[in-house]
């Protein structure tokens, strides 16, 4: 899997570009890619997605965006849930 982070965020799997979905889903991926191997709390992801104007359902919405992103990437192991947040898998990103 290849990630393009300069300019518009792009992802290719086996040379085929992937559709990343909504702008918030793309932003969530960008935040995770900017912090490889480090856990990002759900609160930090909600802050990145909505700023101070977060909906009451922000925590659940973050879970939904992560779920959809896992589906789009085609590999549930790429984004892992840790104690208080989410992390990319550095080994998975390398392949």
PDB file of N, CA and C in Angstrom:
ATOM      1  N   UNK A   1       0.857  -1.164   0.000  1.00  0.00           N
ATOM      2  CA  UNK A   1       0.000   0.000   0.000  1.00  0.00           C
ATOM      3  C   UNK A   1       0.903   1.227   0.000  1.00  0.00           C
ATOM      4  N   UNK A   2       0.546   2.198  -0.828  1.00  0.00           N
ATOM      5  CA  UNK A   2       1.311   3.434  -0.920  1.00  0.00           C
ATOM      6  C   UNK A   2       0.422   4.615  -0.565  1.00  0.00           C
ATOM      7  N   UNK A   3       1.013   5.586   0.136  1.00  0.00           N
ATOM      8  CA  UNK A   3       0.284   6.777   0.576  1.00  0.00           C
ATOM      9  C   UNK A   3       0.953   8.014   0.002  1.00  0.00           C
ATOM     10  N   UNK A   4       0.164   8.890  -0.595  1.00  0.00           N
ATOM     11  CA  UNK A   4       0.655  10.178  -1.068  1.00  0.00           C
ATOM     12  C   UNK A   4       0.159  11.251  -0.121  1.00  0.00           C
ATOM     13  N   UNK A   5       1.087  11.956   0.526  1.00  0.00           N
ATOM     14  CA  UNK A   5       0.688  12.942   1.529  1.00  0.00           C
ATOM     15  C   UNK A   5       1.062  14.372   1.147  1.00  0.00           C
ATOM     16  N   UNK A   6       1.801  14.556   0.076  1.00  0.00           N
ATOM     17  CA  UNK A   6       2.096  15.899  -0.409  1.00  0.00           C
ATOM     18  C   UNK A   6       1.051  16.239  -1.463  1.00  0.00           C
ATOM     19  N   UNK A   7       0.336  17.305  -1.264  1.00  0.00           N
ATOM     20  CA  UNK A   7      -0.810  17.601  -2.119  1.00  0.00           C
ATOM     21  C   UNK A   7      -2.011  16.844  -1.584  1.00  0.00           C
ATOM     22  N   UNK A   8      -2.973  16.521  -2.442  1.00  0.00           N
ATOM     23  CA  UNK A   8      -4.150  15.778  -1.969  1.00  0.00           C
ATOM     24  C   UNK A   8      -3.747  14.394  -1.447  1.00  0.00           C
ATOM     25  N   UNK A   9      -4.350  13.984  -0.354  1.00  0.00           N
ATOM     26  CA  UNK A   9      -4.086  12.670   0.231  1.00  0.00           C
ATOM     27  C   UNK A   9      -4.572  11.588  -0.731  1.00  0.00           C
ATOM     28  N   UNK A  10      -3.685  10.657  -1.057  1.00  0.00           N
ATOM     29  CA  UNK A  10      -4.041   9.552  -1.944  1.00  0.00           C
ATOM     30  C   UNK A  10      -3.514   8.248  -1.367  1.00  0.00           C
ATOM     31  N   UNK A  11      -4.201   7.161  -1.710  1.00  0.00           N
ATOM     32  CA  UNK A  11      -3.786   5.826  -1.286  1.00  0.00           C
ATOM     33  C   UNK A  11      -3.918   4.896  -2.482  1.00  0.00           C
ATOM     34  N   UNK A  12      -2.891   4.071  -2.693  1.00  0.00           N
ATOM     35  CA  UNK A  12      -2.932   3.060  -3.740  1.00  0.00           C
ATOM     36  C   UNK A  12      -2.687   1.700  -3.120  1.00  0.00           C
ATOM     37  N   UNK A  13      -3.472   0.716  -3.554  1.00  0.00           N
ATOM     38  CA  UNK A  13      -3.261  -0.679  -3.147  1.00  0.00           C
ATOM     39  C   UNK A  13      -3.039  -1.467  -4.425  1.00  0.00           C
ATOM     40  N   UNK A  14      -1.877  -2.104  -4.538  1.00  0.00           N
ATOM     41  CA  UNK A  14      -1.508  -2.865  -5.735  1.00  0.00           C
ATOM     42  C   UNK A  14      -1.597  -1.991  -6.985  1.00  0.00           C
ATOM     43  N   UNK A  15      -1.185  -0.729  -6.857  1.00  0.00           N
ATOM     44  CA  UNK A  15      -1.176   0.182  -7.995  1.00  0.00           C
ATOM     45  C   UNK A  15      -2.515   0.780  -8.367  1.00  0.00           C
ATOM     46  N   UNK A  16      -3.550   0.451  -7.623  1.00  0.00           N
ATOM     47  CA  UNK A  16      -4.896   0.955  -7.899  1.00  0.00           C
ATOM     48  C   UNK A  16      -5.263   1.998  -6.849  1.00  0.00           C
ATOM     49  N   UNK A  17      -5.679   3.204  -7.294  1.00  0.00           N
ATOM     50  CA  UNK A  17      -6.052   4.216  -6.301  1.00  0.00           C
ATOM     51  C   UNK A  17      -7.324   3.816  -5.556  1.00  0.00           C
ATOM     52  N   UNK A  18      -7.348   4.105  -4.260  1.00  0.00           N
ATOM     53  CA  UNK A  18      -8.522   3.794  -3.439  1.00  0.00           C
ATOM     54  C   UNK A  18      -9.366   5.042  -3.245  1.00  0.00           C
ATOM     55  N   UNK A  19     -10.656   4.860  -3.193  1.00  0.00           N
ATOM     56  CA  UNK A  19     -11.588   5.932  -2.841  1.00  0.00           C
ATOM     57  C   UNK A  19     -11.600   6.013  -1.321  1.00  0.00           C
ATOM     58  N   UNK A  20     -11.287   7.185  -0.782  1.00  0.00           N
ATOM     59  CA  UNK A  20     -11.164   7.332   0.671  1.00  0.00           C
ATOM     60  C   UNK A  20     -12.423   7.842   1.349  1.00  0.00           C
ATOM     61  N   UNK A  21     -13.444   8.159   0.589  1.00  0.00           N
ATOM     62  CA  UNK A  21     -14.697   8.562   1.205  1.00  0.00           C
ATOM     63  C   UNK A  21     -14.765  10.033   1.534  1.00  0.00           C
ATOM     64  N   UNK A  22     -15.388  10.325   2.644  1.00  0.00           N
ATOM     65  CA  UNK A  22     -15.714  11.695   3.027  1.00  0.00           C
ATOM     66  C   UNK A  22     -14.467  12.498   3.422  1.00  0.00           C
ATOM     67  N   UNK A  23     -14.572  13.811   3.389  1.00  0.00           N
ATOM     68  CA  UNK A  23     -13.438  14.638   3.840  1.00  0.00           C
ATOM     69  C   UNK A  23     -13.014  14.328   5.282  1.00  0.00           C
ATOM     70  N   UNK A  24     -13.949  14.045   6.159  1.00  0.00           N
ATOM     71  CA  UNK A  24     -13.587  13.734   7.555  1.00  0.00           C
ATOM     72  C   UNK A  24     -12.843  12.399   7.635  1.00  0.00           C
ATOM     73  N   UNK A  25     -13.239  11.435   6.831  1.00  0.00           N
ATOM     74  CA  UNK A  25     -12.519  10.164   6.789  1.00  0.00           C
ATOM     75  C   UNK A  25     -11.097  10.338   6.276  1.00  0.00           C
ATOM     76  N   UNK A  26     -10.934  11.200   5.281  1.00  0.00           N
ATOM     77  CA  UNK A  26      -9.607  11.505   4.754  1.00  0.00           C
ATOM     78  C   UNK A  26      -8.763  12.225   5.806  1.00  0.00           C
ATOM     79  N   UNK A  27      -9.382  13.140   6.530  1.00  0.00           N
ATOM     80  CA  UNK A  27      -8.676  13.880   7.578  1.00  0.00           C
ATOM     81  C   UNK A  27      -8.235  12.940   8.696  1.00  0.00           C
ATOM     82  N   UNK A  28      -9.099  12.011   9.061  1.00  0.00           N
ATOM     83  CA  UNK A  28      -8.741  11.038  10.093  1.00  0.00           C
ATOM     84  C   UNK A  28      -7.506  10.252   9.660  1.00  0.00           C
ATOM     85  N   UNK A  29      -7.478   9.795   8.411  1.00  0.00           N
ATOM     86  CA  UNK A  29      -6.312   9.068   7.910  1.00  0.00           C
ATOM     87  C   UNK A  29      -5.076   9.963   7.928  1.00  0.00           C
ATOM     88  N   UNK A  30      -5.219  11.210   7.525  1.00  0.00           N
ATOM     89  CA  UNK A  30      -4.080  12.135   7.519  1.00  0.00           C
ATOM     90  C   UNK A  30      -3.511  12.316   8.927  1.00  0.00           C
ATOM     91  N   UNK A  31      -4.384  12.420   9.918  1.00  0.00           N
ATOM     92  CA  UNK A  31      -3.918  12.572  11.300  1.00  0.00           C
ATOM     93  C   UNK A  31      -3.141  11.326  11.730  1.00  0.00           C
ATOM     94  N   UNK A  32      -3.668  10.148  11.440  1.00  0.00           N
ATOM     95  CA  UNK A  32      -2.966   8.916  11.813  1.00  0.00           C
ATOM     96  C   UNK A  32      -1.637   8.784  11.090  1.00  0.00           C
ATOM     97  N   UNK A  33      -1.606   9.145   9.801  1.00  0.00           N
ATOM     98  CA  UNK A  33      -0.360   9.058   9.048  1.00  0.00           C
ATOM     99  C   UNK A  33       0.682  10.045   9.553  1.00  0.00           C
ATOM    100  N   UNK A  34       0.232  11.162  10.099  1.00  0.00           N
ATOM    101  CA  UNK A  34       1.174  12.168  10.601  1.00  0.00           C
ATOM    102  C   UNK A  34       1.795  11.763  11.938  1.00  0.00           C
ATOM    103  N   UNK A  35       1.277  10.698  12.535  1.00  0.00           N
ATOM    104  CA  UNK A  35       1.784  10.229  13.829  1.00  0.00           C
ATOM    105  C   UNK A  35       2.038   8.721  13.778  1.00  0.00           C
ATOM    106  N   UNK A  36       2.914   8.287  12.891  1.00  0.00           N
ATOM    107  CA  UNK A  36       3.108   6.838  12.706  1.00  0.00           C
ATOM    108  C   UNK A  36       3.576   6.138  13.976  1.00  0.00           C
ATOM    109  N   UNK A  37       2.909   5.038  14.267  1.00  0.00           N
ATOM    110  CA  UNK A  37       3.297   4.230  15.416  1.00  0.00           C
ATOM    111  C   UNK A  37       2.913   4.802  16.768  1.00  0.00           C
ATOM    112  N   UNK A  38       2.245   5.943  16.778  1.00  0.00           N
ATOM    113  CA  UNK A  38       1.839   6.554  18.050  1.00  0.00           C
ATOM    114  C   UNK A  38       0.327   6.514  18.174  1.00  0.00           C
ATOM    115  N   UNK A  39      -0.142   6.289  19.353  1.00  0.00           N
ATOM    116  CA  UNK A  39      -1.575   6.272  19.611  1.00  0.00           C
ATOM    117  C   UNK A  39      -2.122   7.698  19.587  1.00  0.00           C
ATOM    118  N   UNK A  40      -3.280   7.840  18.963  1.00  0.00           N
ATOM    119  CA  UNK A  40      -3.974   9.126  18.920  1.00  0.00           C
ATOM    120  C   UNK A  40      -5.307   8.914  19.634  1.00  0.00           C
ATOM    121  N   UNK A  41      -5.540   9.659  20.694  1.00  0.00           N
ATOM    122  CA  UNK A  41      -6.768   9.467  21.459  1.00  0.00           C
ATOM    123  C   UNK A  41      -7.993   9.808  20.630  1.00  0.00           C
ATOM    124  N   UNK A  42      -9.106   9.225  21.019  1.00  0.00           N
ATOM    125  CA  UNK A  42     -10.371   9.555  20.378  1.00  0.00           C
ATOM    126  C   UNK A  42     -10.686  11.038  20.514  1.00  0.00           C
ATOM    127  N   UNK A  43     -10.342  11.612  21.663  1.00  0.00           N
ATOM    128  CA  UNK A  43     -10.556  13.052  21.874  1.00  0.00           C
ATOM    129  C   UNK A  43      -9.724  13.885  20.904  1.00  0.00           C
ATOM    130  N   UNK A  44      -8.477  13.487  20.682  1.00  0.00           N
ATOM    131  CA  UNK A  44      -7.614  14.224  19.747  1.00  0.00           C
ATOM    132  C   UNK A  44      -8.132  14.096  18.321  1.00  0.00           C
ATOM    133  N   UNK A  45      -8.644  12.920  17.964  1.00  0.00           N
ATOM    134  CA  UNK A  45      -9.220  12.750  16.631  1.00  0.00           C
ATOM    135  C   UNK A  45     -10.480  13.598  16.480  1.00  0.00           C
ATOM    136  N   UNK A  46     -11.312  13.622  17.512  1.00  0.00           N
ATOM    137  CA  UNK A  46     -12.522  14.451  17.463  1.00  0.00           C
ATOM    138  C   UNK A  46     -12.148  15.926  17.327  1.00  0.00           C
ATOM    139  N   UNK A  47     -11.124  16.348  18.047  1.00  0.00           N
ATOM    140  CA  UNK A  47     -10.651  17.741  17.945  1.00  0.00           C
ATOM    141  C   UNK A  47     -10.181  18.044  16.521  1.00  0.00           C
ATOM    142  N   UNK A  48      -9.452  17.107  15.918  1.00  0.00           N
ATOM    143  CA  UNK A  48      -8.974  17.303  14.547  1.00  0.00           C
ATOM    144  C   UNK A  48     -10.133  17.365  13.557  1.00  0.00           C
ATOM    145  N   UNK A  49     -11.172  16.574  13.794  1.00  0.00           N
ATOM    146  CA  UNK A  49     -12.289  16.504  12.852  1.00  0.00           C
ATOM    147  C   UNK A  49     -13.278  17.664  12.986  1.00  0.00           C
ATOM    148  N   UNK A  50     -13.532  18.105  14.222  1.00  0.00           N
ATOM    149  CA  UNK A  50     -14.580  19.109  14.432  1.00  0.00           C
ATOM    150  C   UNK A  50     -14.111  20.362  15.155  1.00  0.00           C
ATOM    151  N   UNK A  51     -12.911  20.367  15.680  1.00  0.00           N
ATOM    152  CA  UNK A  51     -12.463  21.514  16.458  1.00  0.00           C
ATOM    153  C   UNK A  51     -13.265  21.621  17.745  1.00  0.00           C
ATOM    154  N   UNK A  52     -13.560  22.822  18.154  1.00  0.00           N
ATOM    155  CA  UNK A  52     -14.296  23.024  19.401  1.00  0.00           C
ATOM    156  C   UNK A  52     -15.798  22.844  19.238  1.00  0.00           C
ATOM    157  N   UNK A  53     -16.273  22.742  18.025  1.00  0.00           N
ATOM    158  CA  UNK A  53     -17.711  22.597  17.737  1.00  0.00           C
ATOM    159  C   UNK A  53     -18.079  21.119  17.530  1.00  0.00           C
ATOM    160  N   UNK A  54     -17.676  20.266  18.432  1.00  0.00           N
ATOM    161  CA  UNK A  54     -17.913  18.827  18.299  1.00  0.00           C
ATOM    162  C   UNK A  54     -19.370  18.477  18.559  1.00  0.00           C
ATOM    163  N   UNK A  55     -19.911  17.548  17.758  1.00  0.00           N
ATOM    164  CA  UNK A  55     -21.259  17.077  18.052  1.00  0.00           C
ATOM    165  C   UNK A  55     -21.250  16.220  19.312  1.00  0.00           C
ATOM    166  N   UNK A  56     -22.398  16.052  19.928  1.00  0.00           N
ATOM    167  CA  UNK A  56     -22.494  15.210  21.132  1.00  0.00           C
ATOM    168  C   UNK A  56     -22.093  13.764  20.831  1.00  0.00           C
ATOM    169  N   UNK A  57     -22.269  13.362  19.594  1.00  0.00           N
ATOM    170  CA  UNK A  57     -21.959  11.990  19.185  1.00  0.00           C
ATOM    171  C   UNK A  57     -20.535  11.854  18.635  1.00  0.00           C
ATOM    172  N   UNK A  58     -19.638  12.789  18.956  1.00  0.00           N
ATOM    173  CA  UNK A  58     -18.292  12.792  18.381  1.00  0.00           C
ATOM    174  C   UNK A  58     -17.553  11.467  18.613  1.00  0.00           C
ATOM    175  N   UNK A  59     -17.594  10.939  19.820  1.00  0.00           N
ATOM    176  CA  UNK A  59     -16.868   9.699  20.120  1.00  0.00           C
ATOM    177  C   UNK A  59     -17.368   8.545  19.251  1.00  0.00           C
ATOM    178  N   UNK A  60     -18.671   8.421  19.126  1.00  0.00           N
ATOM    179  CA  UNK A  60     -19.243   7.358  18.290  1.00  0.00           C
ATOM    180  C   UNK A  60     -18.938   7.613  16.811  1.00  0.00           C
ATOM    181  N   UNK A  61     -18.982   8.876  16.412  1.00  0.00           N
ATOM    182  CA  UNK A  61     -18.680   9.211  15.021  1.00  0.00           C
ATOM    183  C   UNK A  61     -17.234   8.868  14.674  1.00  0.00           C
ATOM    184  N   UNK A  62     -16.310   9.119  15.602  1.00  0.00           N
ATOM    185  CA  UNK A  62     -14.912   8.752  15.364  1.00  0.00           C
ATOM    186  C   UNK A  62     -14.815   7.248  15.150  1.00  0.00           C
ATOM    187  N   UNK A  63     -15.490   6.465  15.979  1.00  0.00           N
ATOM    188  CA  UNK A  63     -15.482   5.008  15.811  1.00  0.00           C
ATOM    189  C   UNK A  63     -16.017   4.612  14.436  1.00  0.00           C
ATOM    190  N   UNK A  64     -17.065   5.289  13.994  1.00  0.00           N
ATOM    191  CA  UNK A  64     -17.653   4.996  12.686  1.00  0.00           C
ATOM    192  C   UNK A  64     -16.678   5.339  11.562  1.00  0.00           C
ATOM    193  N   UNK A  65     -16.026   6.485  11.649  1.00  0.00           N
ATOM    194  CA  UNK A  65     -15.050   6.863  10.625  1.00  0.00           C
ATOM    195  C   UNK A  65     -13.879   5.885  10.584  1.00  0.00           C
ATOM    196  N   UNK A  66     -13.413   5.432  11.748  1.00  0.00           N
ATOM    197  CA  UNK A  66     -12.330   4.446  11.790  1.00  0.00           C
ATOM    198  C   UNK A  66     -12.792   3.145  11.135  1.00  0.00           C
ATOM    199  N   UNK A  67     -13.981   2.700  11.460  1.00  0.00           N
ATOM    200  CA  UNK A  67     -14.526   1.468  10.878  1.00  0.00           C
ATOM    201  C   UNK A  67     -14.593   1.571   9.352  1.00  0.00           C
ATOM    202  N   UNK A  68     -15.121   2.661   8.866  1.00  0.00           N
ATOM    203  CA  UNK A  68     -15.238   2.855   7.409  1.00  0.00           C
ATOM    204  C   UNK A  68     -13.869   2.928   6.746  1.00  0.00           C
ATOM    205  N   UNK A  69     -12.923   3.588   7.404  1.00  0.00           N
ATOM    206  CA  UNK A  69     -11.581   3.689   6.843  1.00  0.00           C
ATOM    207  C   UNK A  69     -10.925   2.311   6.773  1.00  0.00           C
ATOM    208  N   UNK A  70     -11.099   1.505   7.799  1.00  0.00           N
ATOM    209  CA  UNK A  70     -10.573   0.138   7.763  1.00  0.00           C
ATOM    210  C   UNK A  70     -11.150  -0.619   6.573  1.00  0.00           C
ATOM    211  N   UNK A  71     -12.445  -0.470   6.349  1.00  0.00           N
ATOM    212  CA  UNK A  71     -13.083  -1.148   5.227  1.00  0.00           C
ATOM    213  C   UNK A  71     -12.512  -0.672   3.895  1.00  0.00           C
ATOM    214  N   UNK A  72     -12.367   0.621   3.739  1.00  0.00           N
ATOM    215  CA  UNK A  72     -11.861   1.179   2.483  1.00  0.00           C
ATOM    216  C   UNK A  72     -10.426   0.750   2.214  1.00  0.00           C
ATOM    217  N   UNK A  73      -9.615   0.669   3.272  1.00  0.00           N
ATOM    218  CA  UNK A  73      -8.233   0.240   3.107  1.00  0.00           C
ATOM    219  C   UNK A  73      -8.141  -1.263   2.861  1.00  0.00           C
ATOM    220  N   UNK A  74      -9.179  -1.990   3.249  1.00  0.00           N
ATOM    221  CA  UNK A  74      -9.204  -3.429   3.015  1.00  0.00           C
ATOM    222  C   UNK A  74      -8.336  -4.227   3.971  1.00  0.00           C
ATOM    223  N   UNK A  75      -8.034  -3.652   5.122  1.00  0.00           N
ATOM    224  CA  UNK A  75      -7.189  -4.343   6.093  1.00  0.00           C
ATOM    225  C   UNK A  75      -7.474  -3.800   7.487  1.00  0.00           C
ATOM    226  N   UNK A  76      -8.245  -4.542   8.259  1.00  0.00           N
ATOM    227  CA  UNK A  76      -8.637  -4.098   9.600  1.00  0.00           C
ATOM    228  C   UNK A  76      -7.443  -3.971  10.537  1.00  0.00           C
ATOM    229  N   UNK A  77      -6.322  -4.619  10.224  1.00  0.00           N
ATOM    230  CA  UNK A  77      -5.142  -4.583  11.094  1.00  0.00           C
ATOM    231  C   UNK A  77      -4.333  -3.298  10.944  1.00  0.00           C
ATOM    232  N   UNK A  78      -4.613  -2.498   9.952  1.00  0.00           N
ATOM    233  CA  UNK A  78      -3.833  -1.276   9.721  1.00  0.00           C
ATOM    234  C   UNK A  78      -4.092  -0.219  10.777  1.00  0.00           C
ATOM    235  N   UNK A  79      -5.284  -0.182  11.310  1.00  0.00           N
ATOM    236  CA  UNK A  79      -5.609   0.777  12.365  1.00  0.00           C
ATOM    237  C   UNK A  79      -6.049  -0.031  13.574  1.00  0.00           C
ATOM    238  N   UNK A  80      -5.283   0.083  14.642  1.00  0.00           N
ATOM    239  CA  UNK A  80      -5.583  -0.709  15.826  1.00  0.00           C
ATOM    240  C   UNK A  80      -6.116   0.181  16.933  1.00  0.00           C
ATOM    241  N   UNK A  81      -6.944  -0.400  17.769  1.00  0.00           N
ATOM    242  CA  UNK A  81      -7.498   0.292  18.936  1.00  0.00           C
ATOM    243  C   UNK A  81      -6.596  -0.021  20.109  1.00  0.00           C
ATOM    244  N   UNK A  82      -6.187   1.005  20.800  1.00  0.00           N
ATOM    245  CA  UNK A  82      -5.381   0.836  21.996  1.00  0.00           C
ATOM    246  C   UNK A  82      -6.155   1.414  23.165  1.00  0.00           C
ATOM    247  N   UNK A  83      -5.564   1.424  24.331  1.00  0.00           N
ATOM    248  CA  UNK A  83      -6.269   1.838  25.547  1.00  0.00           C
ATOM    249  C   UNK A  83      -7.175   3.054  25.343  1.00  0.00           C
ATOM    250  N   UNK A  84      -6.586   4.151  24.953  1.00  0.00           N
ATOM    251  CA  UNK A  84      -7.356   5.396  24.870  1.00  0.00           C
ATOM    252  C   UNK A  84      -7.447   5.948  23.462  1.00  0.00           C
ATOM    253  N   UNK A  85      -6.923   5.219  22.481  1.00  0.00           N
ATOM    254  CA  UNK A  85      -6.939   5.804  21.149  1.00  0.00           C
ATOM    255  C   UNK A  85      -6.715   4.795  20.054  1.00  0.00           C
ATOM    256  N   UNK A  86      -6.318   5.322  18.916  1.00  0.00           N
ATOM    257  CA  UNK A  86      -6.098   4.519  17.720  1.00  0.00           C
ATOM    258  C   UNK A  86      -4.670   4.717  17.263  1.00  0.00           C
ATOM    259  N   UNK A  87      -4.131   3.692  16.646  1.00  0.00           N
ATOM    260  CA  UNK A  87      -2.765   3.761  16.158  1.00  0.00           C
ATOM    261  C   UNK A  87      -2.694   3.058  14.819  1.00  0.00           C
ATOM    262  N   UNK A  88      -1.814   3.567  13.963  1.00  0.00           N
ATOM    263  CA  UNK A  88      -1.541   2.826  12.740  1.00  0.00           C
ATOM    264  C   UNK A  88      -0.548   1.735  13.090  1.00  0.00           C
ATOM    265  N   UNK A  89      -0.405   0.777  12.238  1.00  0.00           N
ATOM    266  CA  UNK A  89       0.551  -0.283  12.445  1.00  0.00           C
ATOM    267  C   UNK A  89       1.745  -0.019  11.544  1.00  0.00           C
ATOM    268  N   UNK A  90       2.898   0.378  12.101  1.00  0.00           N
ATOM    269  CA  UNK A  90       4.045   0.697  11.264  1.00  0.00           C
ATOM    270  C   UNK A  90       4.449  -0.440  10.335  1.00  0.00           C
ATOM    271  N   UNK A  91       4.338  -1.675  10.788  1.00  0.00           N
ATOM    272  CA  UNK A  91       4.672  -2.799   9.930  1.00  0.00           C
ATOM    273  C   UNK A  91       3.691  -2.881   8.768  1.00  0.00           C
ATOM    274  N   UNK A  92       2.421  -2.693   9.059  1.00  0.00           N
ATOM    275  CA  UNK A  92       1.410  -2.766   8.000  1.00  0.00           C
ATOM    276  C   UNK A  92       1.590  -1.660   6.984  1.00  0.00           C
ATOM    277  N   UNK A  93       1.941  -0.433   7.428  1.00  0.00           N
ATOM    278  CA  UNK A  93       2.086   0.683   6.489  1.00  0.00           C
ATOM    279  C   UNK A  93       3.245   0.444   5.540  1.00  0.00           C
ATOM    280  N   UNK A  94       4.266  -0.282   5.977  1.00  0.00           N
ATOM    281  CA  UNK A  94       5.439  -0.475   5.138  1.00  0.00           C
ATOM    282  C   UNK A  94       5.144  -1.352   3.928  1.00  0.00           C
ATOM    283  N   UNK A  95       4.127  -2.181   4.000  1.00  0.00           N
ATOM    284  CA  UNK A  95       3.844  -3.121   2.919  1.00  0.00           C
ATOM    285  C   UNK A  95       2.900  -2.574   1.972  1.00  0.00           C
TER     286      UNK A  95
END
